[in-house]
C-alpha atoms as a PDB file:
ATOM      1  CA  MET A   1      10.507   7.006  -3.257  1.00  0.00           C
ATOM      2  CA  THR A   2      11.583   6.702  -6.901  1.00  0.00           C
ATOM      3  CA  ALA A   3       9.180   3.651  -7.526  1.00  0.00           C
ATOM      4  CA  MET A   4       6.274   5.332  -6.110  1.00  0.00           C
ATOM      5  CA  THR A   5       7.064   8.540  -7.917  1.00  0.00           C
ATOM      6  CA  VAL A   6       7.641   7.077 -11.244  1.00  0.00           C
ATOM      7  CA  PHE A   7       4.202   4.931 -10.862  1.00  0.00           C
ATOM      8  CA  PHE A   8       2.382   7.453  -8.933  1.00  0.00           C
ATOM      9  CA  PRO A   9      -0.352   8.151 -11.661  1.00  0.00           C
ATOM     10  CA  LEU A  10      -1.259   4.301 -11.645  1.00  0.00           C
ATOM     11  CA  ASP A  11      -1.924   4.728  -7.974  1.00  0.00           C
ATOM     12  CA  THR A  12      -4.072   7.602  -8.569  1.00  0.00           C
ATOM     13  CA  ALA A  13      -6.217   5.826 -11.019  1.00  0.00           C
ATOM     14  CA  ARG A  14      -6.742   2.871  -8.514  1.00  0.00           C
ATOM     15  CA  LEU A  15      -8.011   4.992  -5.848  1.00  0.00           C
ATOM     16  CA  ARG A  16     -10.460   6.783  -7.910  1.00  0.00           C
ATOM     17  CA  LEU A  17     -11.955   3.621  -9.026  1.00  0.00           C
ATOM     18  CA  GLN A  18     -12.136   2.364  -5.726  1.00  0.00           C
ATOM     19  CA  VAL A  19     -13.691   5.206  -3.764  1.00  0.00           C
ATOM     20  CA  ASP A  20     -16.001   6.653  -6.502  1.00  0.00           C
ATOM     21  CA  GLU A  21     -18.455   3.825  -7.159  1.00  0.00           C
ATOM     22  CA  LYS A  22     -20.210   5.574  -9.965  1.00  0.00           C
ATOM     23  CA  ARG A  23     -17.133   6.033 -12.182  1.00  0.00           C
ATOM     24  CA  LYS A  24     -17.032   3.541 -14.807  1.00  0.00           C
ATOM     25  CA  SER A  25     -14.423   0.981 -14.738  1.00  0.00           C
ATOM     26  CA  LYS A  26     -12.257   1.671 -17.842  1.00  0.00           C
ATOM     27  CA  THR A  27      -8.820   0.755 -18.646  1.00  0.00           C
ATOM     28  CA  THR A  28      -5.979   2.579 -16.654  1.00  0.00           C
ATOM     29  CA  HIS A  29      -5.096   4.871 -19.141  1.00  0.00           C
ATOM     30  CA  MET A  30      -8.560   6.154 -19.944  1.00  0.00           C
ATOM     31  CA  VAL A  31      -9.107   6.851 -16.392  1.00  0.00           C
ATOM     32  CA  LEU A  32      -6.079   8.813 -16.285  1.00  0.00           C
ATOM     33  CA  LEU A  33      -6.846  10.773 -19.496  1.00  0.00           C
ATOM     34  CA  GLU A  34     -10.098  11.534 -18.122  1.00  0.00           C
ATOM     35  CA  ILE A  35      -8.599  12.910 -14.636  1.00  0.00           C
ATOM     36  CA  ILE A  36      -6.016  14.998 -16.799  1.00  0.00           C
ATOM     37  CA  LYS A  37      -8.831  16.421 -18.874  1.00  0.00           C
ATOM     38  CA  GLU A  38     -11.057  17.411 -15.985  1.00  0.00           C
ATOM     39  CA  GLU A  39      -8.717  18.197 -13.291  1.00  0.00           C
ATOM     40  CA  GLY A  40      -5.462  19.221 -15.143  1.00  0.00           C
ATOM     41  CA  LEU A  41      -2.157  18.040 -16.145  1.00  0.00           C
ATOM     42  CA  LEU A  42      -0.738  17.405 -12.707  1.00  0.00           C
ATOM     43  CA  ALA A  43      -3.862  16.077 -11.217  1.00  0.00           C
ATOM     44  CA  PRO A  44      -2.598  12.345 -11.310  1.00  0.00           C
ATOM     45  CA  TYR A  45       0.336  13.564  -8.904  1.00  0.00           C
ATOM     46  CA  ARG A  46      -1.938  15.102  -6.544  1.00  0.00           C
ATOM     47  CA  GLY A  47      -1.113  14.434  -2.933  1.00  0.00           C
ATOM     48  CA  TRP A  48       2.321  13.087  -3.926  1.00  0.00           C
ATOM     49  CA  PHE A  49       4.230  14.850  -0.832  1.00  0.00           C
ATOM     50  CA  PRO A  50       2.088  13.358   1.879  1.00  0.00           C
ATOM     51  CA  VAL A  51       1.958   9.720   0.226  1.00  0.00           C
ATOM     52  CA  ILE A  52       5.897   9.787  -0.098  1.00  0.00           C
ATOM     53  CA  SER A  53       6.125  10.944   3.628  1.00  0.00           C
ATOM     54  CA  SER A  54       3.914   8.035   4.505  1.00  0.00           C
ATOM     55  CA  LEU A  55       5.614   5.761   2.309  1.00  0.00           C
ATOM     56  CA  CYS A  56       8.935   6.455   3.943  1.00  0.00           C
ATOM     57  CA  CYS A  57       8.008   6.016   7.394  1.00  0.00           C
ATOM     58  CA  SER A  58       5.914   2.964   6.528  1.00  0.00           C
ATOM     59  CA  ASN A  59       8.773   1.440   4.732  1.00  0.00           C
ATOM     60  CA  PHE A  60      11.306   2.169   7.349  1.00  0.00           C
ATOM     61  CA  VAL A  61       9.184   0.700  10.002  1.00  0.00           C
ATOM     62  CA  TYR A  62       8.217  -2.620   8.147  1.00  0.00           C
ATOM     63  CA  PHE A  63      11.740  -3.364   6.735  1.00  0.00           C
ATOM     64  CA  TYR A  64      13.630  -2.465  10.132  1.00  0.00           C
ATOM     65  CA  THR A  65      10.965  -4.459  12.120  1.00  0.00           C
ATOM     66  CA  PHE A  66      11.155  -7.395   9.615  1.00  0.00           C
ATOM     67  CA  ASN A  67      15.004  -7.621   9.477  1.00  0.00           C
ATOM     68  CA  SER A  68      15.300  -7.236  13.229  1.00  0.00           C
ATOM     69  CA  LEU A  69      13.076  -9.807  13.979  1.00  0.00           C
ATOM     70  CA  LYS A  70      14.496 -12.076  11.482  1.00  0.00           C
ATOM     71  CA  ALA A  71      18.117 -11.559  12.647  1.00  0.00           C
ATOM     72  CA  VAL A  72      17.218 -12.268  16.375  1.00  0.00           C
ATOM     73  CA  TRP A  73      14.939 -15.518  15.392  1.00  0.00           C
ATOM     74  CA  VAL A  74      17.103 -16.898  12.716  1.00  0.00           C
ATOM     75  CA  LYS A  75      20.639 -16.087  14.298  1.00  0.00           C
ATOM     76  CA  GLY A  76      22.842 -17.271  11.415  1.00  0.00           C
ATOM     77  CA  GLN A  77      20.646 -20.173  10.472  1.00  0.00           C
ATOM     78  CA  HIS A  78      18.838 -20.802   7.153  1.00  0.00           C
ATOM     79  CA  SER A  79      15.650 -19.203   7.335  1.00  0.00           C
ATOM     80  CA  THR A  80      12.404 -21.009   6.163  1.00  0.00           C
ATOM     81  CA  THR A  81       9.239 -19.955   4.207  1.00  0.00           C
ATOM     82  CA  GLY A  82       7.264 -20.305   7.587  1.00  0.00           C
ATOM     83  CA  LYS A  83       9.515 -18.091   9.344  1.00  0.00           C
ATOM     84  CA  ASP A  84       9.580 -15.484   6.795  1.00  0.00           C
ATOM     85  CA  LEU A  85       5.853 -15.496   6.686  1.00  0.00           C
ATOM     86  CA  VAL A  86       5.491 -14.981  10.691  1.00  0.00           C
ATOM     87  CA  VAL A  87       8.140 -12.483  10.876  1.00  0.00           C
ATOM     88  CA  GLY A  88       6.347 -10.458   7.736  1.00  0.00           C
ATOM     89  CA  PHE A  89       3.155 -10.958   9.669  1.00  0.00           C
ATOM     90  CA  VAL A  90       4.279  -9.192  12.958  1.00  0.00           C
ATOM     91  CA  ALA A  91       6.189  -6.632  11.145  1.00  0.00           C
ATOM     92  CA  GLY A  92       3.087  -5.534   9.337  1.00  0.00           C
ATOM     93  CA  VAL A  93       0.881  -5.434  12.622  1.00  0.00           C
ATOM     94  CA  VAL A  94       3.632  -3.006  13.901  1.00  0.00           C
ATOM     95  CA  ASN A  95       3.454  -0.842  10.695  1.00  0.00           C
ATOM     96  CA  VAL A  96      -0.420  -0.742  10.604  1.00  0.00           C
ATOM     97  CA  LEU A  97      -0.648   0.369  14.305  1.00  0.00           C
ATOM     98  CA  LEU A  98       2.244   2.922  14.018  1.00  0.00           C
ATOM     99  CA  THR A  99       1.468   4.283  10.477  1.00  0.00           C
ATOM    100  CA  THR A 100      -2.303   4.336   9.799  1.00  0.00           C
ATOM    101  CA  PRO A 101      -2.818   7.840  10.980  1.00  0.00           C
ATOM    102  CA  LEU A 102      -0.483   9.062   8.050  1.00  0.00           C
ATOM    103  CA  TRP A 103      -2.328   6.988   5.441  1.00  0.00           C
ATOM    104  CA  VAL A 104      -5.689   8.162   6.400  1.00  0.00           C
ATOM    105  CA  VAL A 105      -4.584  11.825   5.852  1.00  0.00           C
ATOM    106  CA  ASN A 106      -2.839  11.212   2.670  1.00  0.00           C
ATOM    107  CA  THR A 107      -5.783   9.343   1.429  1.00  0.00           C
ATOM    108  CA  ARG A 108      -7.996  12.502   2.018  1.00  0.00           C
ATOM    109  CA  LEU A 109      -5.434  14.717   0.501  1.00  0.00           C
ATOM    110  CA  LYS A 110      -5.177  12.702  -2.460  1.00  0.00           C
ATOM    111  CA  LEU A 111      -8.711  12.912  -3.126  1.00  0.00           C
ATOM    112  CA  GLN A 112      -9.152  16.346  -2.340  1.00  0.00           C
ATOM    113  CA  GLY A 113     -10.161  18.348  -5.394  1.00  0.00           C
ATOM    114  CA  ALA A 114     -11.240  15.361  -7.307  1.00  0.00           C
ATOM    115  CA  LYS A 115     -14.299  15.459  -9.319  1.00  0.00           C
ATOM    116  CA  PHE A 116     -16.407  12.561  -8.292  1.00  0.00           C
ATOM    117  CA  ARG A 117     -19.377  10.783 -10.148  1.00  0.00           C
ATOM    118  CA  ASN A 118     -20.846   9.922  -6.858  1.00  0.00           C
ATOM    119  CA  GLU A 119     -22.945  12.730  -5.250  1.00  0.00           C
ATOM    120  CA  ASP A 120     -22.843  11.154  -1.936  1.00  0.00           C
ATOM    121  CA  ILE A 121     -19.177  12.151  -1.356  1.00  0.00           C
ATOM    122  CA  VAL A 122     -18.586  15.249   0.681  1.00  0.00           C
ATOM    123  CA  PRO A 123     -15.614  17.178  -0.504  1.00  0.00           C
ATOM    124  CA  THR A 124     -12.782  18.096   1.993  1.00  0.00           C
ATOM    125  CA  ASN A 125     -10.752  21.402   2.443  1.00  0.00           C
ATOM    126  CA  TYR A 126      -7.350  20.682   4.091  1.00  0.00           C
ATOM    127  CA  ASN A 127      -4.315  23.032   3.933  1.00  0.00           C
ATOM    128  CA  GLY A 128      -1.667  20.446   4.124  1.00  0.00           C
ATOM    129  CA  ILE A 129      -0.547  17.470   6.403  1.00  0.00           C
ATOM    130  CA  ILE A 130      -0.790  19.402   9.842  1.00  0.00           C
ATOM    131  CA  ASP A 131      -4.255  21.024   9.164  1.00  0.00           C
ATOM    132  CA  ALA A 132      -5.601  17.882   7.798  1.00  0.00           C
ATOM    133  CA  PHE A 133      -4.614  15.910  11.182  1.00  0.00           C
ATOM    134  CA  HIS A 134      -5.900  18.958  13.067  1.00  0.00           C
ATOM    135  CA  GLN A 135      -9.494  19.085  11.349  1.00  0.00           C
ATOM    136  CA  ILE A 136      -9.960  15.373  11.567  1.00  0.00           C
ATOM    137  CA  ILE A 137      -9.290  15.203  15.312  1.00  0.00           C
ATOM    138  CA  ARG A 138     -11.634  18.363  15.841  1.00  0.00           C
ATOM    139  CA  ASP A 139     -14.350  17.271  13.805  1.00  0.00           C
ATOM    140  CA  GLU A 140     -14.124  13.365  13.884  1.00  0.00           C
ATOM    141  CA  GLY A 141     -12.357  12.523  17.104  1.00  0.00           C
ATOM    142  CA  ILE A 142      -8.861  11.146  17.465  1.00  0.00           C
ATOM    143  CA  LEU A 143      -9.823   7.683  16.767  1.00  0.00           C
ATOM    144  CA  ALA A 144     -10.773   8.657  13.212  1.00  0.00           C
ATOM    145  CA  LEU A 145      -7.019   8.914  12.305  1.00  0.00           C
ATOM    146  CA  TRP A 146      -7.003   4.881  12.513  1.00  0.00           C
ATOM    147  CA  ASN A 147     -10.204   4.461  10.293  1.00  0.00           C
ATOM    148  CA  GLY A 148      -9.800   1.348   8.323  1.00  0.00           C
ATOM    149  CA  THR A 149      -7.397  -0.235  10.852  1.00  0.00           C
ATOM    150  CA  PHE A 150      -9.022  -3.587  11.103  1.00  0.00           C
ATOM    151  CA  PRO A 151      -9.029  -4.249   7.402  1.00  0.00           C
ATOM    152  CA  SER A 152      -5.301  -2.893   7.577  1.00  0.00           C
ATOM    153  CA  LEU A 153      -4.658  -5.358   9.994  1.00  0.00           C
ATOM    154  CA  LEU A 154      -6.015  -8.179   7.766  1.00  0.00           C
ATOM    155  CA  LEU A 155      -4.174  -6.890   5.088  1.00  0.00           C
ATOM    156  CA  VAL A 156      -0.772  -7.367   6.908  1.00  0.00           C
ATOM    157  CA  PHE A 157      -1.023 -10.917   4.945  1.00  0.00           C
ATOM    158  CA  ASN A 158      -0.342  -8.994   1.929  1.00  0.00           C
ATOM    159  CA  PRO A 159       3.481  -8.086   2.542  1.00  0.00           C
ATOM    160  CA  ALA A 160       3.650 -11.157   4.351  1.00  0.00           C
ATOM    161  CA  ILE A 161       2.618 -13.251   1.326  1.00  0.00           C
ATOM    162  CA  GLN A 162       4.809 -11.048  -0.693  1.00  0.00           C
ATOM    163  CA  PHE A 163       7.858 -11.542   1.256  1.00  0.00           C
ATOM    164  CA  MET A 164       7.159 -15.302   1.530  1.00  0.00           C
ATOM    165  CA  PHE A 165       7.052 -15.774  -2.332  1.00  0.00           C
ATOM    166  CA  TYR A 166      10.141 -13.155  -2.743  1.00  0.00           C
ATOM    167  CA  GLU A 167      12.207 -15.136  -0.024  1.00  0.00           C
ATOM    168  CA  GLY A 168      11.025 -18.475  -1.449  1.00  0.00           C
ATOM    169  CA  LEU A 169      11.890 -17.798  -5.100  1.00  0.00           C
ATOM    170  CA  LYS A 170      15.167 -16.052  -4.139  1.00  0.00           C
ATOM    171  CA  ARG A 171      16.267 -19.254  -2.175  1.00  0.00           C
ATOM    172  CA  GLN A 172      15.334 -21.443  -4.819  1.00  0.00           C
ATOM    173  CA  LEU A 173      17.317 -19.143  -7.522  1.00  0.00           C
ATOM    174  CA  LEU A 174      20.126 -19.030  -5.084  1.00  0.00           C
ATOM    175  CA  LYS A 175      20.447 -22.965  -5.045  1.00  0.00           C
ATOM    176  CA  LYS A 176      21.349 -22.597  -8.906  1.00  0.00           C
ATOM    177  CA  ARG A 177      23.479 -19.651  -9.048  1.00  0.00           C
ATOM    178  CA  MET A 178      25.958 -17.644  -6.658  1.00  0.00           C
ATOM    179  CA  LYS A 179      24.228 -14.291  -7.270  1.00  0.00           C
ATOM    180  CA  LEU A 180      21.012 -12.745  -8.377  1.00  0.00           C
ATOM    181  CA  SER A 181      20.979 -10.540 -11.185  1.00  0.00           C
ATOM    182  CA  SER A 182      19.095  -7.461 -11.381  1.00  0.00           C
ATOM    183  CA  VAL A 183      16.604  -8.980 -13.789  1.00  0.00           C
ATOM    184  CA  ASP A 184      16.013 -11.860 -11.373  1.00  0.00           C
ATOM    185  CA  VAL A 185      15.452  -9.612  -8.375  1.00  0.00           C
ATOM    186  CA  PHE A 186      12.947  -7.565 -10.451  1.00  0.00           C
ATOM    187  CA  ILE A 187      10.970 -10.534 -11.642  1.00  0.00           C
ATOM    188  CA  ILE A 188      10.525 -12.225  -8.515  1.00  0.00           C
ATOM    189  CA  GLY A 189       9.750  -8.990  -7.039  1.00  0.00           C
ATOM    190  CA  ALA A 190       6.727  -8.363  -9.350  1.00  0.00           C
ATOM    191  CA  ILE A 191       5.502 -11.942  -9.214  1.00  0.00           C
ATOM    192  CA  ALA A 192       5.638 -11.941  -5.607  1.00  0.00           C
ATOM    193  CA  LYS A 193       3.677  -8.629  -5.137  1.00  0.00           C
ATOM    194  CA  ALA A 194       1.172  -9.345  -7.899  1.00  0.00           C
ATOM    195  CA  ILE A 195      -0.008 -12.647  -6.335  1.00  0.00           C
ATOM    196  CA  ALA A 196      -0.309 -10.830  -2.976  1.00  0.00           C
ATOM    197  CA  THR A 197      -2.166  -8.018  -4.444  1.00  0.00           C
ATOM    198  CA  THR A 198      -4.690 -10.201  -6.271  1.00  0.00           C
ATOM    199  CA  VAL A 199      -5.629 -12.304  -3.410  1.00  0.00           C
ATOM    200  CA  THR A 200      -6.292  -9.326  -0.776  1.00  0.00           C
ATOM    201  CA  TYR A 201      -7.590  -6.612  -3.206  1.00  0.00           C
ATOM    202  CA  PRO A 202     -11.181  -6.665  -2.110  1.00  0.00           C
ATOM    203  CA  LEU A 203      -9.926  -5.636   1.425  1.00  0.00           C
ATOM    204  CA  GLN A 204      -7.823  -3.002   0.013  1.00  0.00           C
ATOM    205  CA  THR A 205     -10.945  -1.498  -1.531  1.00  0.00           C
ATOM    206  CA  VAL A 206     -12.839  -1.475   1.962  1.00  0.00           C
ATOM    207  CA  GLN A 207      -9.662  -0.046   3.412  1.00  0.00           C
ATOM    208  CA  SER A 208      -9.568   3.094   0.887  1.00  0.00           C
ATOM    209  CA  ILE A 209     -13.248   3.722   1.460  1.00  0.00           C
ATOM    210  CA  LEU A 210     -12.891   3.701   5.283  1.00  0.00           C
ATOM    211  CA  ARG A 211      -9.837   5.665   5.148  1.00  0.00           C
ATOM    212  CA  PHE A 212     -11.493   8.298   3.080  1.00  0.00           C
ATOM    213  CA  GLY A 213     -14.326   8.306   5.698  1.00  0.00           C
ATOM    214  CA  HIS A 214     -17.021  10.318   3.527  1.00  0.00           C
ATOM    215  CA  HIS A 215     -19.449   7.426   2.483  1.00  0.00           C
ATOM    216  CA  ARG A 216     -22.788   6.503   4.058  1.00  0.00           C
ATOM    217  CA  LEU A 217     -22.203   3.606   5.861  1.00  0.00           C
ATOM    218  CA  ASN A 218     -24.692   1.171   7.695  1.00  0.00           C
ATOM    219  CA  PRO A 219     -26.684   3.148   9.837  1.00  0.00           C
ATOM    220  CA  GLU A 220     -26.969   0.594  12.414  1.00  0.00           C
ATOM    221  CA  ASN A 221     -23.402   0.785  13.389  1.00  0.00           C
ATOM    222  CA  ARG A 222     -21.150   3.695  12.563  1.00  0.00           C
ATOM    223  CA  THR A 223     -18.076   2.259  13.851  1.00  0.00           C
ATOM    224  CA  LEU A 224     -15.833   2.716  10.799  1.00  0.00           C
ATOM    225  CA  GLY A 225     -13.334  -0.096  11.402  1.00  0.00           C
ATOM    226  CA  SER A 226     -15.707  -2.906  12.564  1.00  0.00           C
ATOM    227  CA  LEU A 227     -16.108  -6.161  11.035  1.00  0.00           C
ATOM    228  CA  ARG A 228     -19.831  -5.499  10.396  1.00  0.00           C
ATOM    229  CA  ASN A 229     -18.870  -2.574   8.095  1.00  0.00           C
ATOM    230  CA  ILE A 230     -16.321  -4.265   6.258  1.00  0.00           C
ATOM    231  CA  LEU A 231     -18.919  -7.103   5.421  1.00  0.00           C
ATOM    232  CA  TYR A 232     -21.547  -4.316   4.782  1.00  0.00           C
ATOM    233  CA  LEU A 233     -19.300  -2.768   2.314  1.00  0.00           C
ATOM    234  CA  LEU A 234     -18.374  -6.012   0.532  1.00  0.00           C
ATOM    235  CA  HIS A 235     -21.811  -6.986   0.228  1.00  0.00           C
ATOM    236  CA  GLN A 236     -22.865  -3.495  -1.115  1.00  0.00           C
ATOM    237  CA  ARG A 237     -20.224  -3.761  -3.841  1.00  0.00           C
ATOM    238  CA  VAL A 238     -21.221  -7.180  -4.827  1.00  0.00           C
ATOM    239  CA  ARG A 239     -24.913  -6.515  -4.704  1.00  0.00           C
ATOM    240  CA  ARG A 240     -24.513  -3.393  -6.953  1.00  0.00           C
ATOM    241  CA  PHE A 241     -21.584  -4.298  -9.154  1.00  0.00           C
ATOM    242  CA  GLY A 242     -21.288  -7.990  -8.808  1.00  0.00           C
ATOM    243  CA  ILE A 243     -18.185  -9.943  -7.915  1.00  0.00           C
ATOM    244  CA  MET A 244     -16.079  -7.863 -10.270  1.00  0.00           C
ATOM    245  CA  GLY A 245     -17.034  -4.773  -8.256  1.00  0.00           C
ATOM    246  CA  LEU A 246     -14.637  -5.910  -5.615  1.00  0.00           C
ATOM    247  CA  TYR A 247     -11.880  -5.786  -8.089  1.00  0.00           C
ATOM    248  CA  LYS A 248     -12.442  -2.398  -9.974  1.00  0.00           C
ATOM    249  CA  GLY A 249      -9.069  -0.814 -10.293  1.00  0.00           C
ATOM    250  CA  LEU A 250      -7.285  -4.039 -10.082  1.00  0.00           C
ATOM    251  CA  GLU A 251      -5.464  -3.535 -13.421  1.00  0.00           C
ATOM    252  CA  ALA A 252      -4.024   0.093 -12.163  1.00  0.00           C
ATOM    253  CA  LYS A 253      -3.334  -1.632  -8.716  1.00  0.00           C
ATOM    254  CA  LEU A 254      -1.318  -4.573 -10.415  1.00  0.00           C
ATOM    255  CA  LEU A 255       0.708  -2.380 -12.403  1.00  0.00           C
ATOM    256  CA  GLN A 256       1.408   0.228  -9.902  1.00  0.00           C
ATOM    257  CA  THR A 257       2.235  -2.235  -7.084  1.00  0.00           C
ATOM    258  CA  ALA A 258       4.134  -5.003  -9.078  1.00  0.00           C
ATOM    259  CA  LEU A 259       6.271  -2.661 -10.605  1.00  0.00           C
ATOM    260  CA  THR A 260       6.858  -0.509  -7.578  1.00  0.00           C
ATOM    261  CA  ALA A 261       7.574  -3.651  -5.639  1.00  0.00           C
ATOM    262  CA  ALA A 262      10.032  -5.039  -8.266  1.00  0.00           C
ATOM    263  CA  LEU A 263      11.919  -1.642  -8.618  1.00  0.00           C
ATOM    264  CA  MET A 264      11.855  -1.338  -4.791  1.00  0.00           C
ATOM    265  CA  PHE A 265      13.204  -4.769  -4.266  1.00  0.00           C
ATOM    266  CA  LEU A 266      15.956  -3.952  -6.889  1.00  0.00           C
ATOM    267  CA  VAL A 267      16.961  -0.642  -5.195  1.00  0.00           C
ATOM    268  CA  TYR A 268      16.752  -2.419  -1.740  1.00  0.00           C
ATOM    269  CA  GLU A 269      19.258  -5.330  -2.708  1.00  0.00           C
ATOM    270  CA  LYS A 270      21.611  -2.836  -4.484  1.00  0.00           C
ATOM    271  CA  LEU A 271      21.620  -0.402  -1.618  1.00  0.00           C
ATOM    272  CA  THR A 272      22.065  -3.321   1.089  1.00  0.00           C
ATOM    273  CA  ALA A 273      24.823  -4.841  -0.937  1.00  0.00           C
ATOM    274  CA  ALA A 274      26.500  -1.212  -1.466  1.00  0.00           C
ATOM    275  CA  THR A 275      26.102  -0.210   2.261  1.00  0.00           C
ATOM    276  CA  PHE A 276      27.803  -3.501   3.528  1.00  0.00           C
ATOM    277  CA  THR A 277      30.699  -3.205   0.969  1.00  0.00           C
ATOM    278  CA  VAL A 278      31.317   0.417   2.327  1.00  0.00           C
ATOM    279  CA  MET A 279      31.061  -0.633   5.865  1.00  0.00           C
ATOM    280  CA  GLY A 280      33.766  -3.563   4.901  1.00  0.00           C
ATOM    281  CA  LEU A 281      35.892  -1.293   3.129  1.00  0.00           C
ATOM    282  CA  LYS A 282      35.805   1.258   5.963  1.00  0.00           C
ATOM    283  CA  SER A 283      36.569  -1.305   8.680  1.00  0.00           C
ATOM    284  CA  ALA A 284      39.407  -2.799   6.550  1.00  0.00           C
ATOM    285  CA  HIS A 285      40.703   0.690   6.395  1.00  0.00           C
ATOM    286  CA  LYS A 286      40.711   1.211   9.940  1.00  0.00           C
ATOM    287  CA  ARG A 287      42.601  -1.894  10.519  1.00  0.00           C
END
C-alpha cells in the first residue's frame, strides 16, 4: 500500500499512454504535468482507493498461495529456481482468476473523468466500486468483469519471472553473507521486476485496453479475451505506431513497478522477520 501510494502518479501516466492511443508518447513527468494542467492537481491520484483495495486482495492471494505451495513442495529442503518458477506461475493463475473483476473495475474508475485525445473512447459514469460492478453486469454481462483474463493469464509469467530472479539473486547473495541488508533486498527486487516488466509489457498494454473495454475491436470477433483480439490489438499497434508502439508508457511502468517492487520486497522481508521474531518471543514467554 505504501509503495503504490508513493508511486501512484507513475501508474496513472502509464495507463493513459497505454489506453489513449492518440496521446503523444512523452517523458513521464511531461505526461503528468499535462494531466495536472488539464484535470487538476489531484488527477494523478484518481482511482487510488479502488486500486489499493485490489492491490491488497491481489497481493494477499498471490503471496499466500506462493508461500503455501512452496512450503508444501519444498518441505524443509533447499528450493531451486525451477521450483520457484512453477510455484510463482500457479500462484499467478489463482490470483488472476480470483481478482480480475477488481482490476477491471479499478481500471475504469481510474480512467473516469480523464481527458482523452482519442475520440473513439466512450466516457464512463460510475459512482464508486459497487456501482461500477452493478453497471458492468447490467450493461455488459457478468463475463465482462473478466475482460482481459487471457492476457492476464499469460502475464502470470511476469511475477513468476520476477520471483525466479529475486529468489535466485537472493540465494546467490546469501552464499556470500549471512544476512541481506535493506539495500541488497531493494536492488534485487528492482532488478527482478524490471526484467519481468520489459519482457511482458506488450501484453500489459493489451490487458489495459481490454479491461477498459471502451475501444472498437475487430468486428468479426467481439470476444474481449480471445486470442484473435489480442493479436489484432498487437497488430494494430505495430501497424500504426511501429514496434515501439507496443512499449508506449514503458518508462513510467519501469519506474513505477521497479521502485514499487523493490520497496514491497523490502517491507515484505522486514515484516516477515519481525512477525517471526514476535512469535518467537511470545512462545518463549509462554514457556
